[in-house]
Protein backbone atom coordinates (compact mmCIF):
# COMPACT_ATOMS: atom_id res chain seq x y z
CA MET A 1 18.94 -2.26 22.85
CA PRO A 2 20.69 0.76 21.25
CA ALA A 3 18.56 3.47 19.67
CA LEU A 4 18.40 3.50 15.88
CA GLU A 5 20.21 6.33 14.12
CA ARG A 6 18.00 9.21 13.00
CA ILE A 7 18.74 11.88 10.43
CA MET A 8 16.95 14.81 8.83
CA PRO A 9 16.05 13.37 5.40
CA VAL A 10 16.28 15.33 2.15
CA ALA A 11 12.98 17.08 1.46
CA GLY A 12 11.07 15.45 -1.39
CA ALA A 13 12.94 12.14 -1.20
CA PRO A 14 11.48 8.82 -0.04
CA CYS A 15 12.31 8.43 3.64
CA TRP A 16 10.45 5.26 4.71
CA VAL A 17 7.99 2.52 3.72
CA ASN A 18 5.22 1.32 5.96
CA LEU A 19 2.49 -1.30 6.03
CA ILE A 20 -0.72 -0.80 8.00
CA ALA A 21 -2.04 -4.23 8.95
CA ARG A 22 -5.31 -5.38 10.47
CA ASP A 23 -3.47 -7.65 12.93
CA LEU A 24 0.01 -6.48 13.86
CA HIS A 25 1.16 -9.78 15.37
CA ALA A 26 -0.16 -11.84 12.46
CA ALA A 27 1.59 -9.52 9.99
CA GLN A 28 4.85 -9.77 11.91
CA SER A 29 4.58 -13.57 11.85
CA PHE A 30 3.99 -13.60 8.07
CA TYR A 31 6.92 -11.31 7.26
CA THR A 32 9.20 -13.19 9.63
CA GLU A 33 8.39 -16.41 7.76
CA VAL A 34 8.70 -14.91 4.28
CA MET A 35 11.38 -12.23 4.66
CA ASP A 36 13.24 -13.47 7.76
CA TRP A 37 12.72 -10.09 9.42
CA GLU A 38 12.95 -9.42 13.13
CA PHE A 39 10.89 -6.73 14.84
CA ARG A 40 11.58 -4.18 17.52
CA ALA A 41 9.41 -1.60 19.24
CA SER A 42 8.92 1.75 17.58
CA THR A 43 9.11 5.17 19.21
CA LEU A 44 5.69 5.86 17.63
CA GLY A 45 3.82 3.68 20.16
CA ASN A 46 2.62 0.16 20.78
CA ASN A 47 0.75 -0.05 17.47
CA PHE A 48 3.91 0.39 15.41
CA SER A 49 6.99 -1.80 14.97
CA VAL A 50 10.20 -1.58 12.97
CA ALA A 51 11.22 -4.50 10.77
CA MET A 52 14.93 -5.25 10.97
CA ALA A 53 17.26 -7.19 8.66
CA HIS A 54 20.87 -7.86 9.66
CA GLY A 55 20.54 -5.25 12.41
CA GLU A 56 19.34 -2.47 10.10
CA PRO A 57 15.85 -0.99 9.69
CA VAL A 58 13.92 -2.18 6.63
CA ALA A 59 10.36 -0.93 6.99
CA GLY A 60 7.56 -0.25 9.44
CA ILE A 61 4.43 -2.25 10.21
CA GLY A 62 1.59 -0.71 12.15
CA ALA A 63 -1.87 -1.77 13.26
CA CYS A 64 -4.89 0.05 11.88
CA SER A 65 -8.01 0.89 13.83
CA PRO A 66 -11.31 -0.77 12.87
CA GLY A 67 -12.57 0.75 9.66
CA GLY A 68 -9.12 2.13 8.90
CA PRO A 69 -7.36 2.27 5.52
CA PRO A 70 -6.87 -0.88 3.42
CA THR A 71 -3.72 -2.92 3.84
CA VAL A 72 -1.20 -1.44 1.45
CA TRP A 73 2.56 -0.94 1.36
CA THR A 74 3.07 2.82 1.38
CA PRO A 75 6.13 4.95 0.63
CA TYR A 76 6.61 8.11 2.70
CA PHE A 77 8.30 11.22 1.36
CA ALA A 78 10.13 13.75 3.51
CA VAL A 79 8.71 17.28 3.58
CA ARG A 80 9.62 20.51 5.34
CA ASP A 81 6.04 21.48 6.18
CA ALA A 82 3.31 18.83 6.35
CA ASP A 83 0.50 21.40 6.36
CA GLU A 84 1.79 23.09 3.23
CA THR A 85 2.19 19.71 1.51
CA ALA A 86 -1.35 18.74 2.49
CA ASP A 87 -2.63 21.92 0.87
CA ARG A 88 -0.72 21.11 -2.32
CA VAL A 89 -2.23 17.63 -2.43
CA ARG A 90 -5.78 18.98 -2.13
CA GLU A 91 -5.21 21.85 -4.55
CA ARG A 92 -4.19 19.35 -7.26
CA GLY A 93 -7.31 17.22 -7.01
CA ALA A 94 -5.86 14.38 -4.93
CA THR A 95 -7.21 12.99 -1.66
CA LEU A 96 -5.84 13.68 1.81
CA ALA A 97 -7.00 10.66 3.80
CA ILE A 98 -5.36 11.09 7.21
CA GLY A 99 -3.49 13.92 8.91
CA PRO A 100 -1.20 15.62 9.20
CA LEU A 101 -0.97 14.07 12.66
CA LYS A 102 1.76 14.29 15.27
CA LEU A 103 3.61 10.98 15.64
CA GLY A 104 6.62 10.80 17.92
CA ALA A 105 9.10 13.51 16.93
CA GLY A 106 7.42 14.21 13.60
CA ARG A 107 4.15 14.66 11.74
CA ALA A 108 2.66 12.29 9.18
CA ALA A 109 -0.14 12.24 6.62
CA LEU A 110 -1.60 9.67 4.27
CA ALA A 111 -2.94 10.56 0.82
CA ALA A 112 -3.93 9.11 -2.53
CA ASP A 113 -2.96 10.69 -5.84
CA ARG A 114 -5.47 11.48 -8.56
CA ASP A 115 -5.32 7.91 -9.90
CA GLY A 116 -5.73 6.30 -6.49
CA ALA A 117 -2.13 5.34 -5.63
CA VAL A 118 -1.58 5.67 -1.87
CA PHE A 119 1.43 7.55 -0.52
CA GLY A 120 2.43 9.32 2.67
CA PHE A 121 4.59 12.23 3.73
CA TRP A 122 6.59 12.90 6.86
CA GLU A 123 7.85 16.07 8.52
CA GLY A 124 10.70 15.64 10.98
CA PRO A 125 13.72 13.41 11.66
CA ALA A 126 13.61 9.87 10.28
CA LEU A 127 15.59 6.66 10.52
CA ALA A 128 18.81 6.57 8.51
CA TRP A 129 17.46 4.79 5.45
CA SER A 130 17.73 5.25 1.68
CA VAL A 131 16.18 3.36 -1.24
CA GLY A 132 18.61 0.90 -2.80
CA ARG A 133 21.11 1.01 0.06
CA GLY A 134 21.70 -1.34 2.95
CA SER A 135 18.55 -3.04 4.16
CA ALA A 136 16.16 -0.55 2.59
CA PRO A 137 13.93 -1.65 -0.33
CA ALA A 138 15.75 -2.01 -3.60
CA ARG A 139 13.22 0.04 -5.56
CA LEU A 140 10.04 2.09 -5.38
CA ASP A 141 7.92 1.93 -8.54
CA LEU A 142 4.75 3.87 -9.21
CA GLN A 143 2.38 2.04 -11.53
CA THR A 144 0.09 4.80 -12.75
CA ARG A 145 -2.24 5.70 -15.59
CA HIS A 146 0.14 8.17 -17.23
CA ALA A 147 3.74 8.43 -16.02
CA PHE A 148 4.39 11.98 -17.20
CA GLU A 149 1.18 13.40 -15.74
CA ALA A 150 1.98 11.68 -12.44
CA ALA A 151 5.50 13.12 -12.53
CA ILE A 152 4.10 16.63 -12.81
CA PHE A 153 1.76 16.02 -9.87
CA TYR A 154 4.45 14.65 -7.55
CA ALA A 155 7.02 17.22 -8.65
CA GLU A 156 4.62 20.02 -7.70
CA VAL A 157 3.71 18.41 -4.38
CA PHE A 158 7.26 17.55 -3.31
CA ASP A 159 9.28 20.29 -5.06
CA TRP A 160 11.22 17.84 -7.19
CA ALA A 161 13.88 19.59 -9.29
CA GLN A 162 14.05 22.54 -6.90
CA PRO A 163 15.70 23.80 -4.83
CA PRO A 164 19.24 22.53 -5.61
CA GLY A 165 20.29 19.50 -3.60
CA GLY A 166 16.91 17.77 -3.79
CA CYS A 167 15.43 15.19 -6.14
CA THR A 168 15.75 15.58 -9.89
CA VAL A 169 13.46 14.18 -12.58
CA ASP A 170 14.67 12.49 -15.75
CA TYR A 171 12.06 11.84 -18.44
CA ALA A 172 12.76 8.68 -20.46
CA GLN A 173 10.78 7.35 -23.43
CA ASP A 174 8.12 5.51 -21.44
CA HIS A 175 8.94 6.13 -17.78
CA VAL A 176 10.24 8.75 -15.38
CA LEU A 177 13.23 8.41 -13.06
CA VAL A 178 13.39 10.31 -9.78
CA GLN A 179 16.99 10.65 -8.65
CA LEU A 180 18.86 11.94 -5.62
CA ALA A 181 22.60 12.56 -5.80
CA GLY A 182 22.78 10.36 -8.91
CA ASP A 183 20.87 7.40 -7.39
CA THR A 184 17.42 6.42 -8.61
CA VAL A 185 15.02 6.57 -5.66
CA ALA A 186 11.73 6.05 -7.55
CA THR A 187 10.50 5.11 -11.03
CA LEU A 188 7.15 6.16 -12.47
CA ARG A 189 5.60 3.94 -15.12
CA GLY A 190 2.32 4.03 -17.05
CA GLY A 191 -0.14 1.23 -17.68
CA GLY A 192 -2.16 1.29 -14.46
CA ILE A 193 -5.91 0.85 -14.90
CA GLU A 194 -7.96 2.37 -12.09
CA THR A 195 -11.04 0.21 -12.72
CA ALA A 196 -9.17 -3.08 -13.17
CA PRO A 197 -10.62 -5.94 -11.11
CA ASP A 198 -7.10 -7.20 -10.42
CA PRO A 199 -5.47 -4.98 -7.75
CA LYS A 200 -2.04 -5.77 -9.21
CA ILE A 201 -2.99 -3.74 -12.30
CA ARG A 202 -4.49 -0.74 -10.52
CA PRO A 203 -2.43 2.41 -9.93
CA ARG A 204 -0.26 1.86 -6.87
CA TRP A 205 3.18 2.35 -5.42
CA ASN A 206 5.08 -0.93 -5.44
CA VAL A 207 7.80 -1.66 -2.88
CA ASP A 208 10.44 -4.15 -4.04
CA PHE A 209 12.73 -5.96 -1.60
CA HIS A 210 15.91 -7.81 -2.54
CA VAL A 211 16.16 -11.35 -1.17
CA GLN A 212 18.73 -14.09 -1.58
CA ASP A 213 16.23 -16.44 -3.23
CA SER A 214 12.96 -14.96 -4.52
CA LYS A 215 11.55 -18.40 -5.42
CA GLU A 216 12.06 -19.50 -1.85
CA ALA A 217 10.39 -16.33 -0.54
CA ALA A 218 7.45 -16.82 -2.91
CA ALA A 219 6.97 -20.41 -1.74
CA ALA A 220 7.18 -19.32 1.90
CA ALA A 221 4.48 -16.70 1.25
CA ILE A 222 2.06 -19.39 0.06
CA GLU A 223 2.94 -21.62 3.00
CA ALA A 224 2.29 -18.70 5.41
CA GLY A 225 -1.18 -18.01 4.01
CA GLY A 226 -0.42 -15.46 1.29
CA ASP A 227 -0.10 -15.74 -2.46
CA SER A 228 2.63 -15.20 -5.05
CA SER A 229 3.09 -15.15 -8.80
CA PRO A 230 6.14 -14.66 -11.05
CA ILE A 231 6.56 -11.37 -12.86
CA PRO A 232 8.76 -10.39 -15.80
CA SER A 233 12.35 -9.63 -14.93
CA LEU A 234 12.66 -6.13 -13.52
CA ALA A 235 14.79 -3.31 -14.89
CA GLY A 236 16.17 -5.47 -17.67
CA SER A 237 17.55 -8.04 -15.24
CA ALA A 238 17.50 -11.77 -15.89
CA LYS A 239 17.00 -12.45 -12.16
CA ASP A 240 13.77 -13.91 -10.82
CA ALA A 241 11.09 -11.69 -9.32
CA PHE A 242 7.67 -12.34 -7.77
CA VAL A 243 4.71 -10.30 -6.68
CA ILE A 244 3.54 -11.40 -3.24
CA ARG A 245 0.22 -10.75 -1.55
CA ASP A 246 0.13 -11.09 2.23
CA PRO A 247 -2.93 -12.57 3.99
CA ASP A 248 -4.45 -9.08 4.41
CA GLY A 249 -4.04 -8.27 0.70
CA GLY A 250 -0.90 -6.13 0.96
CA LEU A 251 1.09 -6.33 -2.29
CA PHE A 252 4.87 -6.09 -2.65
CA THR A 253 7.55 -7.65 -4.81
CA VAL A 254 10.73 -9.57 -4.13
CA SER A 255 13.63 -9.91 -6.53
CA ASP A 256 16.93 -11.78 -6.37
CA ASP A 257 19.76 -9.91 -4.71
């Protein structure tokens, strides 16, 4: 099996999404049924796998150790220096949960912002992958308490808007767009409620995947032991979209291609 292409991602930009599952094989079975993904071994070890769609990498799924972090889809952002980024996270009142740890040819860390949304960062080469292109997720959306405050936090942590060639930030009326070379790679929106009993309302990063038929994917999720519910059309589109919860509680959305 040929090795997957690796590149040095742009610092500050999303470079991967990953799910940490309690049971790796059960998670692979669920996402095969719902998303029609195939899986191949990862260079990070036996506890990690790479989800593939049409021969291209989509996302990662790894197994957590007992007592590890909750099951959550997590975006990772490329950084030049993981230690320096970890210091920035702590200095701004956020939580560094894991790392930085050496993984394969790079170093990774897992954190939560001041409102509790989980994110990661990665130092080193990464798979050739970009939000909205090829098999990668169509969108990354941060649901947070206050979009503009969150934008300041992430901009300071990941050096958005500087130096030239990195991510830029565009402040709209009620949301914030993070762009790279003219493409939107993340959207920050307000309305998250940290104490909400419904996890779908709490601050979190949402990963959205395009599928040919989101209704079919939503029905398959229920059949495979998860849950799904329709959500308002995304980004002004009239196409169907659903929020799906896998059997471990991991939330993500699917929308029509």
